């Protein structure tokens, strides 16, 4: 529950599951809800998105894949980017440490604990 002192205009970054989708996205999902597609990134919508992304990047040689959520994305990027002697730094209260660290630890990613400075 969001405390009353937060304005409705404030954007909270608790996690990517704390609110629904934008109204335009929900409308488009309703319009295409009964279409049967291959799914798993093998559908015409993902193909179109790949072409748009490649075009915006000015490249045609990109291998573009879509992941289903933030945890999977963090796992994939961190596993690909970090070398064995590197680690993820975040506050002990950080979302990635509190909610996503176990899958990353299974991939041998280290999270050295540290407390954030509170100004006191």
N, C-alpha and C. Protein backbone atom coordinates (compact mmCIF):
# COMPACT_ATOMS: atom_id res chain seq x y z
N UNK A 1 0.84 -1.18 0.00
CA UNK A 1 0.00 0.00 0.00
C UNK A 1 0.89 1.24 0.00
N UNK A 2 0.54 2.22 -0.82
CA UNK A 2 1.32 3.45 -0.93
C UNK A 2 0.85 4.43 0.14
N UNK A 3 1.78 4.99 0.93
CA UNK A 3 1.40 5.97 1.94
C UNK A 3 0.70 7.17 1.31
N UNK A 4 -0.22 7.77 2.07
CA UNK A 4 -1.04 8.87 1.57
C UNK A 4 -0.21 10.09 1.17
N UNK A 5 0.98 10.28 1.75
CA UNK A 5 1.76 11.48 1.44
C UNK A 5 2.38 11.44 0.06
N UNK A 6 2.38 10.29 -0.62
CA UNK A 6 2.86 10.25 -1.99
C UNK A 6 1.78 10.79 -2.92
N UNK A 7 2.17 11.67 -3.83
CA UNK A 7 1.19 12.18 -4.79
C UNK A 7 0.93 11.11 -5.83
N UNK A 8 -0.22 11.19 -6.49
CA UNK A 8 -0.55 10.22 -7.53
C UNK A 8 0.39 10.35 -8.72
N UNK A 9 1.02 11.51 -8.87
CA UNK A 9 1.93 11.73 -9.99
C UNK A 9 3.29 11.07 -9.77
N UNK A 10 3.61 10.71 -8.54
CA UNK A 10 4.91 10.12 -8.25
C UNK A 10 5.00 8.70 -8.82
N UNK A 11 6.09 8.40 -9.46
CA UNK A 11 6.32 7.08 -10.01
C UNK A 11 7.16 6.30 -9.02
N UNK A 12 6.67 5.15 -8.59
CA UNK A 12 7.39 4.30 -7.66
C UNK A 12 8.06 3.17 -8.44
N UNK A 13 9.28 2.87 -8.09
CA UNK A 13 10.04 1.82 -8.77
C UNK A 13 10.24 0.63 -7.84
N UNK A 14 9.18 0.22 -7.16
CA UNK A 14 9.26 -0.93 -6.26
C UNK A 14 9.66 -2.19 -7.01
N UNK A 15 8.94 -2.47 -8.07
CA UNK A 15 9.24 -3.59 -8.94
C UNK A 15 8.40 -3.45 -10.20
N UNK A 16 8.65 -4.30 -11.17
CA UNK A 16 7.92 -4.18 -12.43
C UNK A 16 6.57 -4.90 -12.41
N UNK A 17 6.15 -5.36 -11.24
CA UNK A 17 4.86 -6.03 -11.12
C UNK A 17 3.89 -5.26 -10.23
N UNK A 18 4.21 -4.03 -9.87
CA UNK A 18 3.38 -3.31 -8.90
C UNK A 18 2.20 -2.56 -9.51
N UNK A 19 2.11 -2.52 -10.81
CA UNK A 19 0.93 -1.91 -11.43
C UNK A 19 0.72 -2.52 -12.81
N UNK A 20 -0.43 -2.23 -13.37
CA UNK A 20 -0.77 -2.79 -14.68
C UNK A 20 -0.08 -2.08 -15.82
N UNK A 21 -0.56 -2.35 -17.01
CA UNK A 21 0.03 -1.78 -18.22
C UNK A 21 -0.64 -0.47 -18.59
N UNK A 22 0.00 0.27 -19.46
CA UNK A 22 -0.55 1.52 -19.99
C UNK A 22 -1.86 1.19 -20.72
N UNK A 23 -2.81 2.12 -20.68
CA UNK A 23 -4.14 1.90 -21.29
C UNK A 23 -4.04 1.54 -22.78
N UNK A 24 -3.11 2.16 -23.52
CA UNK A 24 -2.96 1.85 -24.95
C UNK A 24 -2.49 0.41 -25.15
N UNK A 25 -1.64 -0.07 -24.27
CA UNK A 25 -1.16 -1.45 -24.37
C UNK A 25 -2.30 -2.41 -24.06
N UNK A 26 -3.06 -2.12 -23.01
CA UNK A 26 -4.20 -2.98 -22.66
C UNK A 26 -5.23 -3.01 -23.79
N UNK A 27 -5.48 -1.85 -24.42
CA UNK A 27 -6.42 -1.79 -25.54
C UNK A 27 -5.94 -2.67 -26.68
N UNK A 28 -4.65 -2.56 -27.02
CA UNK A 28 -4.10 -3.36 -28.12
C UNK A 28 -4.12 -4.85 -27.78
N UNK A 29 -3.84 -5.18 -26.53
CA UNK A 29 -3.90 -6.59 -26.12
C UNK A 29 -5.32 -7.13 -26.25
N UNK A 30 -6.33 -6.31 -25.89
CA UNK A 30 -7.72 -6.74 -26.03
C UNK A 30 -8.07 -6.95 -27.50
N UNK A 31 -7.56 -6.08 -28.37
CA UNK A 31 -7.85 -6.20 -29.80
C UNK A 31 -7.28 -7.48 -30.40
N UNK A 32 -6.16 -7.94 -29.89
CA UNK A 32 -5.47 -9.10 -30.46
C UNK A 32 -5.60 -10.35 -29.58
N UNK A 33 -6.41 -10.26 -28.55
CA UNK A 33 -6.49 -11.33 -27.55
C UNK A 33 -6.85 -12.69 -28.14
N UNK A 34 -7.74 -12.75 -29.10
CA UNK A 34 -8.18 -14.04 -29.63
C UNK A 34 -7.37 -14.52 -30.83
N UNK A 35 -6.32 -13.78 -31.21
CA UNK A 35 -5.44 -14.24 -32.28
C UNK A 35 -4.58 -15.38 -31.75
N UNK A 36 -4.40 -16.38 -32.55
CA UNK A 36 -3.51 -17.48 -32.17
C UNK A 36 -2.17 -17.27 -32.87
N UNK A 37 -1.12 -17.17 -32.08
CA UNK A 37 0.22 -16.98 -32.62
C UNK A 37 1.14 -18.02 -32.01
N UNK A 38 2.30 -18.16 -32.58
CA UNK A 38 3.27 -19.16 -32.11
C UNK A 38 3.76 -18.86 -30.69
N UNK A 39 3.86 -17.59 -30.35
CA UNK A 39 4.36 -17.23 -29.03
C UNK A 39 5.86 -17.43 -28.90
N UNK A 40 6.36 -17.28 -27.69
CA UNK A 40 7.78 -17.48 -27.38
C UNK A 40 8.70 -16.67 -28.28
N UNK A 41 8.24 -15.50 -28.70
CA UNK A 41 9.06 -14.64 -29.53
C UNK A 41 9.06 -15.00 -31.00
N UNK A 42 8.26 -15.98 -31.38
CA UNK A 42 8.22 -16.46 -32.77
C UNK A 42 6.96 -16.00 -33.49
N UNK A 43 6.38 -14.91 -33.06
CA UNK A 43 5.12 -14.45 -33.63
C UNK A 43 5.36 -13.19 -34.48
N UNK A 44 4.37 -12.79 -35.27
CA UNK A 44 4.54 -11.63 -36.14
C UNK A 44 4.76 -10.33 -35.37
N UNK A 45 4.23 -10.23 -34.17
CA UNK A 45 4.42 -9.00 -33.38
C UNK A 45 5.88 -8.85 -32.95
N UNK A 46 6.49 -9.94 -32.54
CA UNK A 46 7.91 -9.89 -32.17
C UNK A 46 8.77 -9.64 -33.40
N UNK A 47 8.40 -10.24 -34.53
CA UNK A 47 9.14 -9.99 -35.78
C UNK A 47 9.10 -8.51 -36.14
N UNK A 48 7.91 -7.92 -36.03
CA UNK A 48 7.77 -6.49 -36.34
C UNK A 48 8.58 -5.65 -35.36
N UNK A 49 8.55 -6.01 -34.09
CA UNK A 49 9.31 -5.26 -33.08
C UNK A 49 10.81 -5.38 -33.34
N UNK A 50 11.29 -6.57 -33.73
CA UNK A 50 12.71 -6.75 -34.07
C UNK A 50 13.12 -5.81 -35.20
N UNK A 51 12.27 -5.73 -36.23
CA UNK A 51 12.58 -4.87 -37.37
C UNK A 51 12.61 -3.40 -36.96
N UNK A 52 11.66 -3.00 -36.11
CA UNK A 52 11.63 -1.61 -35.63
C UNK A 52 12.88 -1.28 -34.80
N UNK A 53 13.25 -2.19 -33.91
CA UNK A 53 14.43 -1.97 -33.05
C UNK A 53 15.69 -1.91 -33.91
N UNK A 54 15.85 -2.85 -34.83
CA UNK A 54 17.02 -2.86 -35.71
C UNK A 54 17.08 -1.57 -36.53
N UNK A 55 15.93 -1.12 -37.03
CA UNK A 55 15.88 0.12 -37.80
C UNK A 55 16.28 1.32 -36.97
N UNK A 56 15.79 1.38 -35.73
CA UNK A 56 16.16 2.49 -34.84
C UNK A 56 17.64 2.47 -34.50
N UNK A 57 18.22 1.28 -34.49
CA UNK A 57 19.66 1.15 -34.22
C UNK A 57 20.49 1.37 -35.49
N UNK A 58 19.81 1.45 -36.63
CA UNK A 58 20.52 1.62 -37.90
C UNK A 58 21.33 0.40 -38.29
N UNK A 59 20.86 -0.79 -37.88
CA UNK A 59 21.58 -2.03 -38.15
C UNK A 59 20.62 -3.10 -38.65
N UNK A 60 21.11 -3.96 -39.49
CA UNK A 60 20.30 -5.09 -39.94
C UNK A 60 20.88 -6.42 -39.49
N UNK A 61 22.04 -6.38 -38.84
CA UNK A 61 22.74 -7.61 -38.46
C UNK A 61 22.58 -7.95 -36.98
N UNK A 62 21.55 -7.43 -36.32
CA UNK A 62 21.37 -7.66 -34.89
C UNK A 62 20.60 -8.95 -34.64
N UNK A 63 20.92 -9.60 -33.54
CA UNK A 63 20.19 -10.79 -33.09
C UNK A 63 19.38 -10.36 -31.88
N UNK A 64 18.10 -10.06 -32.06
CA UNK A 64 17.27 -9.46 -31.02
C UNK A 64 16.36 -10.52 -30.41
N UNK A 65 16.37 -10.60 -29.09
CA UNK A 65 15.54 -11.56 -28.35
C UNK A 65 14.74 -10.80 -27.30
N UNK A 66 13.58 -11.33 -26.94
CA UNK A 66 12.73 -10.72 -25.93
C UNK A 66 12.67 -11.62 -24.71
N UNK A 67 12.77 -11.01 -23.54
CA UNK A 67 12.68 -11.74 -22.28
C UNK A 67 11.37 -11.38 -21.59
N UNK A 68 10.90 -12.25 -20.71
CA UNK A 68 9.56 -12.09 -20.18
C UNK A 68 9.46 -11.21 -18.93
N UNK A 69 10.55 -10.86 -18.32
CA UNK A 69 10.46 -10.03 -17.12
C UNK A 69 11.81 -9.51 -16.69
N UNK A 70 11.78 -8.68 -15.67
CA UNK A 70 12.99 -8.05 -15.17
C UNK A 70 13.99 -9.02 -14.57
N UNK A 71 13.51 -10.02 -13.84
CA UNK A 71 14.42 -10.98 -13.21
C UNK A 71 15.20 -11.74 -14.28
N UNK A 72 14.51 -12.21 -15.30
CA UNK A 72 15.18 -12.94 -16.38
C UNK A 72 16.15 -12.03 -17.13
N UNK A 73 15.76 -10.79 -17.32
CA UNK A 73 16.63 -9.83 -18.02
C UNK A 73 17.88 -9.56 -17.20
N UNK A 74 17.70 -9.29 -15.90
CA UNK A 74 18.87 -9.04 -15.03
C UNK A 74 19.80 -10.25 -15.04
N UNK A 75 19.24 -11.44 -14.91
CA UNK A 75 20.05 -12.66 -14.90
C UNK A 75 20.86 -12.78 -16.19
N UNK A 76 20.20 -12.60 -17.33
CA UNK A 76 20.86 -12.76 -18.62
C UNK A 76 21.97 -11.73 -18.83
N UNK A 77 21.67 -10.48 -18.55
CA UNK A 77 22.67 -9.42 -18.76
C UNK A 77 23.83 -9.56 -17.79
N UNK A 78 23.54 -9.81 -16.52
CA UNK A 78 24.62 -9.93 -15.53
C UNK A 78 25.48 -11.15 -15.83
N UNK A 79 24.86 -12.27 -16.16
CA UNK A 79 25.63 -13.48 -16.48
C UNK A 79 26.52 -13.27 -17.71
N UNK A 80 26.03 -12.48 -18.67
CA UNK A 80 26.81 -12.24 -19.88
C UNK A 80 27.89 -11.18 -19.67
N UNK A 81 27.63 -10.21 -18.82
CA UNK A 81 28.53 -9.06 -18.70
C UNK A 81 29.63 -9.24 -17.67
N UNK A 82 29.35 -9.94 -16.58
CA UNK A 82 30.34 -10.03 -15.51
C UNK A 82 31.30 -11.18 -15.72
N UNK A 83 32.55 -10.91 -15.41
CA UNK A 83 33.56 -11.96 -15.39
C UNK A 83 33.57 -12.59 -14.00
N UNK A 84 34.18 -13.77 -13.84
CA UNK A 84 34.13 -14.46 -12.54
C UNK A 84 34.64 -13.64 -11.35
N UNK A 85 35.55 -12.71 -11.58
CA UNK A 85 36.09 -11.92 -10.48
C UNK A 85 35.28 -10.65 -10.21
N UNK A 86 34.21 -10.42 -10.96
CA UNK A 86 33.39 -9.22 -10.80
C UNK A 86 32.13 -9.54 -10.00
N UNK A 87 31.45 -8.48 -9.53
CA UNK A 87 30.25 -8.67 -8.73
C UNK A 87 29.25 -7.56 -8.97
N UNK A 88 28.06 -7.70 -8.41
CA UNK A 88 27.01 -6.69 -8.47
C UNK A 88 27.04 -5.91 -7.17
N UNK A 89 27.10 -4.59 -7.27
CA UNK A 89 27.05 -3.74 -6.09
C UNK A 89 25.68 -3.10 -5.99
N UNK A 90 25.06 -3.24 -4.84
CA UNK A 90 23.79 -2.58 -4.59
C UNK A 90 23.60 -2.50 -3.09
N UNK A 91 22.71 -1.64 -2.68
CA UNK A 91 22.39 -1.54 -1.25
C UNK A 91 21.79 -2.86 -0.79
N UNK A 92 21.96 -3.16 0.49
CA UNK A 92 21.39 -4.41 1.01
C UNK A 92 19.87 -4.43 0.88
N UNK A 93 19.27 -3.26 0.74
CA UNK A 93 17.82 -3.15 0.58
C UNK A 93 17.42 -3.05 -0.90
N UNK A 94 18.39 -3.07 -1.81
CA UNK A 94 18.12 -2.92 -3.24
C UNK A 94 17.27 -4.06 -3.78
N UNK A 95 16.41 -3.74 -4.73
CA UNK A 95 15.48 -4.72 -5.29
C UNK A 95 16.20 -5.97 -5.81
N UNK A 96 17.30 -5.77 -6.50
CA UNK A 96 17.99 -6.92 -7.08
C UNK A 96 18.56 -7.82 -5.99
N UNK A 97 18.97 -7.25 -4.86
CA UNK A 97 19.48 -8.05 -3.75
C UNK A 97 18.36 -8.74 -2.98
N UNK A 98 17.27 -8.04 -2.74
CA UNK A 98 16.18 -8.58 -1.94
C UNK A 98 15.33 -9.59 -2.71
N UNK A 99 15.01 -9.29 -3.97
CA UNK A 99 14.05 -10.10 -4.71
C UNK A 99 14.64 -10.96 -5.82
N UNK A 100 15.84 -10.66 -6.28
CA UNK A 100 16.35 -11.36 -7.46
C UNK A 100 17.71 -12.00 -7.25
N UNK A 101 18.23 -11.95 -6.07
CA UNK A 101 19.62 -12.40 -5.89
C UNK A 101 19.79 -13.92 -5.95
N UNK A 102 18.80 -14.70 -5.56
CA UNK A 102 19.00 -16.14 -5.52
C UNK A 102 19.29 -16.74 -6.89
N UNK A 103 18.53 -16.43 -7.94
CA UNK A 103 18.90 -16.98 -9.26
C UNK A 103 20.29 -16.54 -9.70
N UNK A 104 20.65 -15.30 -9.36
CA UNK A 104 21.97 -14.81 -9.75
C UNK A 104 23.07 -15.49 -8.95
N UNK A 105 22.82 -15.77 -7.68
CA UNK A 105 23.82 -16.50 -6.88
C UNK A 105 24.02 -17.91 -7.43
N UNK A 106 22.95 -18.52 -7.92
CA UNK A 106 23.07 -19.85 -8.52
C UNK A 106 23.97 -19.81 -9.74
N UNK A 107 24.06 -18.65 -10.37
CA UNK A 107 24.95 -18.48 -11.53
C UNK A 107 26.32 -17.98 -11.09
N UNK A 108 26.58 -18.05 -9.79
CA UNK A 108 27.88 -17.68 -9.22
C UNK A 108 28.13 -16.18 -9.22
N UNK A 109 27.08 -15.38 -9.21
CA UNK A 109 27.24 -13.93 -9.11
C UNK A 109 27.31 -13.56 -7.64
N UNK A 110 28.27 -12.73 -7.30
CA UNK A 110 28.43 -12.33 -5.90
C UNK A 110 27.77 -10.98 -5.65
N UNK A 111 27.19 -10.86 -4.45
CA UNK A 111 26.57 -9.63 -3.99
C UNK A 111 27.20 -9.27 -2.65
N UNK A 112 28.34 -8.56 -2.65
CA UNK A 112 28.93 -8.21 -1.35
C UNK A 112 27.99 -7.28 -0.59
N UNK A 113 27.65 -7.61 0.65
CA UNK A 113 26.70 -6.79 1.40
C UNK A 113 27.31 -5.45 1.81
N UNK A 114 26.54 -4.41 1.66
CA UNK A 114 26.94 -3.13 2.23
C UNK A 114 25.67 -2.35 2.53
N UNK A 115 25.78 -1.51 3.54
CA UNK A 115 24.65 -0.71 3.97
C UNK A 115 24.69 0.65 3.29
N UNK A 116 23.53 1.12 2.84
CA UNK A 116 23.52 2.44 2.19
C UNK A 116 23.74 3.55 3.21
N UNK A 117 24.32 4.63 2.76
CA UNK A 117 24.49 5.79 3.64
C UNK A 117 23.15 6.49 3.76
N UNK A 118 22.76 6.79 4.97
CA UNK A 118 21.46 7.42 5.20
C UNK A 118 21.61 8.91 5.47
N UNK A 119 22.81 9.41 5.54
CA UNK A 119 23.02 10.82 5.80
C UNK A 119 23.14 11.13 7.29
N UNK A 120 23.00 10.14 8.13
CA UNK A 120 23.13 10.41 9.57
C UNK A 120 24.45 9.93 10.10
